[in-house]
Amino acid sequence: MIAFANYNYMIHIFVIGAVLIALHIFYAIWRRMAVNSAFGNKDAARKIISGDYSRILIKEILILLGIIFSSIVLLGPMWGDRMKKTDYEGTDVLIALDVSRSMLAKDVSTTRLERAKSAIRLIAGSLNGDRIGLIIFAGDAFIQCPLTNDMGAFTMFLESVSPDSINVQGTDIGRMLAEAEKVYKKKNLISKMLIVITDGEDHENRVDAEVEKFKEIGVAVYTLGIGRSGDLIPLEKKDDTENFYRDREGSLIKTGQNEDLLKELADKTGGFYTDITNSFSGINKIINIIEDKDKVYYGSKMVKEKIDRTYIFLIILIIILSAEMFIGERRITRRGE
C-alpha cells in the first residue's frame, strides 16, 4: 500500500499542481491561436512551420508530466516495509489534573475541565519521544495513566476523565502531591517536573508539608491556574432548567481560583505559575522547558517503517526535464530548404 510522507500537505500540493497545469494548458492554447492568427489561418501556419507542431506538442506534454511528477516527489511516496532499530530517549512529564466538581464551572469558553484537557493535549502534542503520565485528583488522587510514550493510549485515558472518576469529592492538593511523590521515588526519575492544572481550591490544607518533600527530591512544580471567582457549579439539567450545587444550608456554592496558593506552590519548588483561563500562551514556556530538560535513555526496539521511494520519481522527473530541454521547437533543416 502506498503512503505519503507529506500526506498533510496533499491538498495544497494537489491544488498548486492543478493550477500550474491549467495555466500551462491555457498558455499553450493561447500561443497556438497567436501563431495561427499571425499567419492568417491554421493551414498556412502548418505549411510554413511544418513539423514544428509535433515538437511543440511533445514539449507541452513533457512539461505537463514534469508538473505531475514534481507533485509526486513533493508528496514523498513510500511503499514496502523494512525493520529499523530505533533508540528512544526523552523527558518524563507528569501531569496532575483536578477533576473536582468545581472544574465543571463554565467561567471559560466551555468548562474548566474541558479547557484543562485542551491544555494537556497541547502539551502532549508537542512531545517528541518523551513519556507523559496523568494523575487525577479531587478529594483523593490516583494515577490515571502511567508514564508512557504511547500518545494514543494517553489520549484515551485523558478523554475518559470526569468528576465521576473519583468517588471522594472536595479538593485535596496535598493528597495529589503525595501520590506524585510516590511516582518520582518509585521510578527514580531523572527529569523531575510536575505540571498541576487546577482552580487552586484546597479543602485539606496539607500542601505545605508535601511541598517540603518535593524540595528535598528536587521536583519543580509548574502550576496552571484556571477559573474566575464567584462562578457557580452546575448540576445536570432537569426539565431544561439549569441547577447548581448548594451547601447543607441550601445556599449556592460559588467557586473561584486560589491564585496565591498556586503561586506559592510553584515558587517554593522552583517552578512558575501561569493562568490559562483566557490564553494558553504560558504553556509555550513550559514546552520549551520540557525540550531543554536532560533526556533519559529508554532503550531501543525494532520498528517497522515504510521505504521511501521518492528517488524513483525524482529520476523520472530529471529524465523528463532533460528531454524537454533537448527537444527544439523547430526542425533542423538542410541549407536551401
Protein backbone atom coordinates (compact mmCIF):
# COMPACT_ATOMS: atom_id res chain seq x y z
CA MET A 1 0.00 0.00 0.00
CA ILE A 2 1.34 3.41 -0.98
CA ALA A 3 1.72 6.03 1.73
CA PHE A 4 2.97 9.60 1.53
CA ALA A 5 5.47 11.25 3.87
CA ASN A 6 3.85 14.66 3.33
CA TYR A 7 0.26 13.45 3.46
CA ASN A 8 -0.83 16.50 5.49
CA TYR A 9 0.11 18.76 2.57
CA MET A 10 -1.58 16.64 -0.12
CA ILE A 11 -4.41 19.11 -0.74
CA HIS A 12 -2.00 22.06 -1.02
CA ILE A 13 0.29 20.20 -3.44
CA PHE A 14 -2.69 18.97 -5.49
CA VAL A 15 -4.17 22.48 -5.78
CA ILE A 16 -0.86 24.08 -6.77
CA GLY A 17 -0.20 21.32 -9.33
CA ALA A 18 -3.69 21.65 -10.80
CA VAL A 19 -3.31 25.43 -11.10
CA LEU A 20 0.06 25.09 -12.86
CA ILE A 21 -1.37 22.52 -15.29
CA ALA A 22 -4.35 24.75 -16.03
CA LEU A 23 -2.11 27.78 -16.61
CA HIS A 24 0.18 25.82 -18.93
CA ILE A 25 -2.74 24.47 -20.99
CA PHE A 26 -4.17 27.97 -21.24
CA TYR A 27 -0.78 29.30 -22.38
CA ALA A 28 -0.37 26.51 -24.97
CA ILE A 29 -3.81 27.22 -26.45
CA TRP A 30 -3.19 30.97 -26.46
CA ARG A 31 0.20 30.56 -28.17
CA ARG A 32 -1.24 28.30 -30.87
CA MET A 33 -4.04 30.76 -31.54
CA ALA A 34 -1.50 33.60 -31.72
CA VAL A 35 0.61 31.69 -34.30
CA ASN A 36 -2.43 30.87 -36.43
CA SER A 37 -3.51 34.49 -36.28
CA ALA A 38 -0.05 35.71 -37.32
CA PHE A 39 -0.02 33.52 -40.47
CA GLY A 40 -3.62 34.17 -41.38
CA ASN A 41 -5.02 30.69 -40.74
CA LYS A 42 -4.17 27.28 -39.38
CA ASP A 43 -3.31 25.69 -42.77
CA ALA A 44 -0.91 28.47 -43.68
CA ALA A 45 0.83 28.18 -40.34
CA ARG A 46 1.25 24.42 -40.81
CA LYS A 47 2.77 24.84 -44.28
CA ILE A 48 5.30 27.40 -43.07
CA ILE A 49 6.33 25.68 -39.84
CA SER A 50 5.59 22.10 -40.90
CA GLY A 51 6.91 19.61 -38.39
CA ASP A 52 7.28 22.16 -35.61
CA TYR A 53 3.76 21.50 -34.27
CA SER A 54 4.59 17.92 -33.33
CA ARG A 55 7.73 19.03 -31.48
CA ILE A 56 5.82 21.73 -29.67
CA LEU A 57 3.13 19.21 -28.70
CA ILE A 58 5.74 16.78 -27.34
CA LYS A 59 7.36 19.56 -25.28
CA GLU A 60 3.97 20.60 -23.90
CA ILE A 61 3.19 17.02 -22.85
CA LEU A 62 6.62 16.70 -21.21
CA ILE A 63 6.05 19.90 -19.23
CA LEU A 64 2.68 18.61 -18.02
CA LEU A 65 4.29 15.32 -17.00
CA GLY A 66 7.03 17.29 -15.24
CA ILE A 67 4.42 19.13 -13.15
CA ILE A 68 2.70 15.85 -12.25
CA PHE A 69 5.92 14.09 -11.25
CA SER A 70 7.10 17.16 -9.31
CA SER A 71 3.90 16.94 -7.26
CA ILE A 72 4.51 13.24 -6.60
CA VAL A 73 8.09 13.96 -5.49
CA LEU A 74 6.86 16.64 -3.07
CA LEU A 75 4.37 14.17 -1.57
CA GLY A 76 7.16 11.71 -0.77
CA PRO A 77 5.72 8.33 -1.90
CA MET A 78 6.54 5.29 0.24
CA TRP A 79 5.71 1.60 -0.08
CA GLY A 80 7.12 -1.66 1.20
CA ASP A 81 8.25 -2.29 4.78
CA ARG A 82 11.60 -2.72 6.50
CA MET A 83 12.66 -3.19 10.10
CA LYS A 84 14.74 -0.49 11.77
CA LYS A 85 16.35 -0.28 15.19
CA THR A 86 15.24 2.90 16.96
CA ASP A 87 16.65 4.38 20.16
CA TYR A 88 14.20 6.08 22.48
CA GLU A 89 15.09 8.95 24.75
CA GLY A 90 13.18 11.88 26.16
CA THR A 91 11.83 13.66 29.21
CA ASP A 92 9.38 12.32 31.78
CA VAL A 93 6.42 14.68 32.14
CA LEU A 94 3.90 14.05 34.92
CA ILE A 95 0.62 16.00 34.82
CA ALA A 96 -1.85 16.29 37.70
CA LEU A 97 -5.40 17.22 36.69
CA ASP A 98 -8.07 18.48 39.08
CA VAL A 99 -11.38 16.66 38.41
CA SER A 100 -13.36 18.01 41.35
CA ARG A 101 -16.90 19.33 40.86
CA SER A 102 -15.65 22.92 40.80
CA MET A 103 -13.93 22.13 37.47
CA LEU A 104 -17.42 21.93 35.91
CA ALA A 105 -17.82 25.71 36.32
CA LYS A 106 -18.45 27.46 33.00
CA ASP A 107 -16.49 30.66 33.54
CA VAL A 108 -14.36 29.78 30.49
CA SER A 109 -15.39 29.08 26.89
CA THR A 110 -16.60 25.56 27.79
CA THR A 111 -15.92 24.24 31.30
CA ARG A 112 -12.77 24.47 33.35
CA LEU A 113 -12.22 20.74 32.94
CA GLU A 114 -12.55 20.77 29.16
CA ARG A 115 -10.20 23.74 28.88
CA ALA A 116 -7.72 21.93 31.12
CA LYS A 117 -7.93 18.90 28.83
CA SER A 118 -7.21 21.15 25.83
CA ALA A 119 -4.10 22.45 27.59
CA ILE A 120 -2.92 18.88 28.23
CA ARG A 121 -3.49 17.93 24.59
CA LEU A 122 -1.36 20.91 23.57
CA ILE A 123 1.48 19.77 25.83
CA ALA A 124 1.19 16.12 24.79
CA GLY A 125 1.14 17.09 21.10
CA SER A 126 4.47 18.92 21.47
CA LEU A 127 6.32 15.92 22.91
CA ASN A 128 8.78 14.06 20.72
CA GLY A 129 9.73 10.71 22.22
CA ASP A 130 9.03 11.95 25.74
CA ARG A 131 6.94 10.00 28.23
CA ILE A 132 3.85 11.51 29.79
CA GLY A 133 1.76 10.37 32.73
CA LEU A 134 -1.51 11.55 34.27
CA ILE A 135 -2.65 11.83 37.89
CA ILE A 136 -6.23 12.87 38.58
CA PHE A 137 -7.33 14.23 41.93
CA ALA A 138 -10.25 15.63 43.87
CA GLY A 139 -10.72 14.53 47.50
CA ASP A 140 -8.49 11.57 46.62
CA ALA A 141 -5.80 11.05 43.99
CA PHE A 142 -4.53 8.20 41.84
CA ILE A 143 -2.60 7.55 38.63
CA GLN A 144 -4.96 7.57 35.67
CA CYS A 145 -2.23 6.82 33.12
CA PRO A 146 1.33 5.63 33.96
CA LEU A 147 4.28 7.24 32.18
CA THR A 148 4.11 6.27 28.52
CA ASN A 149 5.20 7.49 25.08
CA ASP A 150 2.07 5.97 23.53
CA MET A 151 0.11 9.17 22.87
CA GLY A 152 -2.90 7.23 21.63
CA ALA A 153 -3.26 5.42 24.95
CA PHE A 154 -2.62 8.61 26.93
CA THR A 155 -5.29 10.49 24.98
CA MET A 156 -7.78 7.67 25.57
CA PHE A 157 -7.21 7.86 29.34
CA LEU A 158 -7.47 11.66 29.25
CA GLU A 159 -10.77 11.70 27.37
CA SER A 160 -12.38 9.31 29.85
CA VAL A 161 -11.71 11.62 32.81
CA SER A 162 -14.63 13.31 34.59
CA PRO A 163 -15.63 14.26 38.16
CA ASP A 164 -17.22 10.79 38.39
CA SER A 165 -13.75 9.23 38.01
CA ILE A 166 -13.14 9.82 41.74
CA ASN A 167 -15.69 8.93 44.42
CA VAL A 168 -14.29 11.21 47.12
CA GLN A 169 -15.14 14.79 46.22
CA GLY A 170 -13.63 18.01 47.50
CA THR A 171 -10.10 19.09 46.58
CA ASP A 172 -7.00 17.78 48.35
CA ILE A 173 -3.89 19.13 46.62
CA GLY A 174 -1.70 17.70 49.38
CA ARG A 175 -3.00 14.19 48.63
CA MET A 176 -2.18 14.70 44.95
CA LEU A 177 1.37 15.79 45.77
CA ALA A 178 1.82 12.70 47.94
CA GLU A 179 0.73 10.48 45.04
CA ALA A 180 3.10 12.25 42.67
CA GLU A 181 5.94 11.86 45.17
CA LYS A 182 5.46 8.08 45.09
CA VAL A 183 5.93 8.09 41.33
CA TYR A 184 9.19 10.04 41.50
CA LYS A 185 10.62 7.84 44.24
CA LYS A 186 9.47 4.52 42.80
CA LYS A 187 10.57 5.24 39.22
CA ASN A 188 13.75 7.06 40.25
CA LEU A 189 13.12 9.65 37.56
CA ILE A 190 16.00 11.84 36.40
CA SER A 191 13.87 14.54 34.76
CA LYS A 192 11.69 15.78 37.59
CA MET A 193 8.85 18.15 36.76
CA LEU A 194 5.19 18.13 37.74
CA ILE A 195 2.52 20.14 35.93
CA VAL A 196 -0.57 20.81 38.04
CA ILE A 197 -3.77 22.06 36.39
CA THR A 198 -6.41 23.19 38.87
CA ASP A 199 -8.53 26.10 40.04
CA GLY A 200 -6.49 26.04 43.25
CA GLU A 201 -9.26 25.30 45.72
CA ASP A 202 -7.92 23.20 48.58
CA HIS A 203 -10.06 21.91 51.43
CA GLU A 204 -7.49 19.96 53.47
CA ASN A 205 -4.59 22.43 53.91
CA ARG A 206 -1.85 19.78 53.63
CA VAL A 207 0.13 21.44 50.86
CA ASP A 208 2.96 22.91 52.96
CA ALA A 209 4.08 19.55 54.37
CA GLU A 210 4.20 17.94 50.93
CA VAL A 211 5.98 20.91 49.35
CA GLU A 212 8.93 20.36 51.70
CA LYS A 213 9.21 16.77 50.47
CA PHE A 214 9.20 17.95 46.87
CA LYS A 215 12.01 20.38 47.61
CA GLU A 216 14.05 17.51 49.09
CA ILE A 217 13.75 15.31 45.99
CA GLY A 218 14.23 18.26 43.60
CA VAL A 219 10.90 18.25 41.79
CA ALA A 220 9.85 21.55 40.19
CA VAL A 221 6.09 22.15 40.18
CA TYR A 222 4.55 24.20 37.39
CA THR A 223 1.00 25.31 38.20
CA LEU A 224 -1.60 26.20 35.59
CA GLY A 225 -4.49 28.08 37.15
CA ILE A 226 -7.94 28.17 35.63
CA GLY A 227 -11.22 29.89 36.54
CA ARG A 228 -12.57 33.14 37.89
CA SER A 229 -14.02 33.99 41.29
CA GLY A 230 -17.72 33.78 42.08
CA ASP A 231 -18.89 31.26 39.48
CA LEU A 232 -21.50 28.59 40.25
CA ILE A 233 -21.07 24.82 39.84
CA PRO A 234 -23.75 23.40 37.52
CA LEU A 235 -25.70 20.21 38.13
CA GLU A 236 -27.32 18.16 35.38
CA LYS A 237 -30.25 19.94 33.77
CA LYS A 238 -33.75 18.82 34.69
CA ASP A 239 -36.71 19.85 32.55
CA ASP A 240 -34.43 22.25 30.64
CA THR A 241 -33.74 24.06 33.91
CA GLU A 242 -30.12 24.50 34.92
CA ASN A 243 -29.46 23.67 38.57
CA PHE A 244 -26.44 24.43 40.69
CA TYR A 245 -24.71 22.83 43.66
CA ARG A 246 -25.78 24.06 47.10
CA ASP A 247 -24.31 23.62 50.57
CA ARG A 248 -26.08 21.97 53.52
CA GLU A 249 -27.87 25.23 54.32
CA GLY A 250 -29.20 25.42 50.77
CA SER A 251 -27.03 28.33 49.69
CA LEU A 252 -25.47 28.29 46.22
CA ILE A 253 -21.81 27.23 46.22
CA LYS A 254 -19.53 29.72 44.50
CA THR A 255 -16.13 28.69 43.28
CA GLY A 256 -13.03 30.63 42.33
CA GLN A 257 -9.30 30.31 41.72
CA ASN A 258 -6.84 30.29 44.60
CA GLU A 259 -4.07 32.02 42.71
CA ASP A 260 -1.98 32.71 45.81
CA LEU A 261 -1.74 29.02 46.72
CA LEU A 262 -0.71 28.05 43.19
CA LYS A 263 1.95 30.76 43.03
CA GLU A 264 3.34 29.72 46.41
CA LEU A 265 3.47 26.04 45.38
CA ALA A 266 5.36 26.90 42.20
CA ASP A 267 7.73 29.41 43.78
CA LYS A 268 8.80 27.12 46.63
CA THR A 269 9.68 24.25 44.29
CA GLY A 270 11.47 26.21 41.56
CA GLY A 271 8.64 26.22 39.03
CA PHE A 272 6.31 29.00 37.98
CA TYR A 273 2.61 29.83 37.82
CA THR A 274 0.61 30.79 34.72
CA ASP A 275 -3.09 31.40 34.19
CA ILE A 276 -4.79 29.55 31.31
CA THR A 277 -8.32 30.89 31.80
CA ASN A 278 -8.12 33.14 28.74
CA SER A 279 -4.88 32.21 27.00
CA PHE A 280 -2.53 29.25 26.52
CA SER A 281 0.47 31.49 25.88
CA GLY A 282 2.18 30.46 29.14
CA ILE A 283 2.16 26.81 28.02
CA ASN A 284 4.76 27.57 25.35
CA LYS A 285 7.23 28.40 28.12
CA ILE A 286 6.56 25.02 29.74
CA ILE A 287 7.02 23.25 26.40
CA ASN A 288 10.40 24.96 25.97
CA ILE A 289 11.43 23.83 29.46
CA ILE A 290 10.48 20.24 28.61
CA GLU A 291 12.61 20.40 25.45
CA ASP A 292 15.60 21.70 27.42
CA LYS A 293 15.42 19.02 30.14
CA ASP A 294 18.03 16.28 30.29
CA LYS A 295 16.95 13.37 28.14
CA VAL A 296 16.54 9.89 29.58
CA TYR A 297 17.52 6.82 27.52
CA TYR A 298 14.55 4.46 27.42
CA GLY A 299 16.17 1.72 25.35
CA SER A 300 15.80 0.59 21.74
CA LYS A 301 13.45 -1.62 19.78
CA MET A 302 12.83 -2.77 16.23
CA VAL A 303 10.10 -0.86 14.43
CA LYS A 304 8.54 -1.31 11.02
CA GLU A 305 8.72 1.63 8.65
CA LYS A 306 7.77 2.36 5.06
CA ILE A 307 10.55 2.56 2.46
CA ASP A 308 10.95 5.97 0.83
CA ARG A 309 10.58 5.63 -2.95
CA THR A 310 10.81 9.32 -3.82
CA TYR A 311 14.08 8.77 -5.70
CA ILE A 312 12.30 6.73 -8.41
CA PHE A 313 10.00 9.60 -9.34
CA LEU A 314 12.86 12.09 -8.99
CA ILE A 315 14.90 10.17 -11.59
CA ILE A 316 11.89 10.09 -13.95
CA LEU A 317 11.39 13.83 -13.40
CA ILE A 318 15.02 14.56 -14.28
CA ILE A 319 14.71 12.48 -17.48
CA ILE A 320 11.50 14.32 -18.46
CA LEU A 321 13.00 17.77 -17.85
CA SER A 322 16.20 16.84 -19.71
CA ALA A 323 14.22 15.59 -22.70
CA GLU A 324 12.15 18.76 -22.74
CA MET A 325 15.31 20.89 -22.77
CA PHE A 326 16.99 19.00 -25.64
CA ILE A 327 13.96 18.86 -27.93
CA GLY A 328 13.88 22.02 -30.02
CA GLU A 329 10.66 23.59 -31.17
CA ARG A 330 11.88 23.85 -34.80
CA ARG A 331 13.34 21.20 -37.07
CA ILE A 332 16.96 21.36 -38.21
CA THR A 333 16.63 21.89 -41.93
CA ARG A 334 19.11 21.43 -44.76
CA ARG A 335 20.58 24.54 -46.40
CA GLY A 336 18.27 25.79 -49.10
CA GLU A 337 15.09 24.34 -47.66
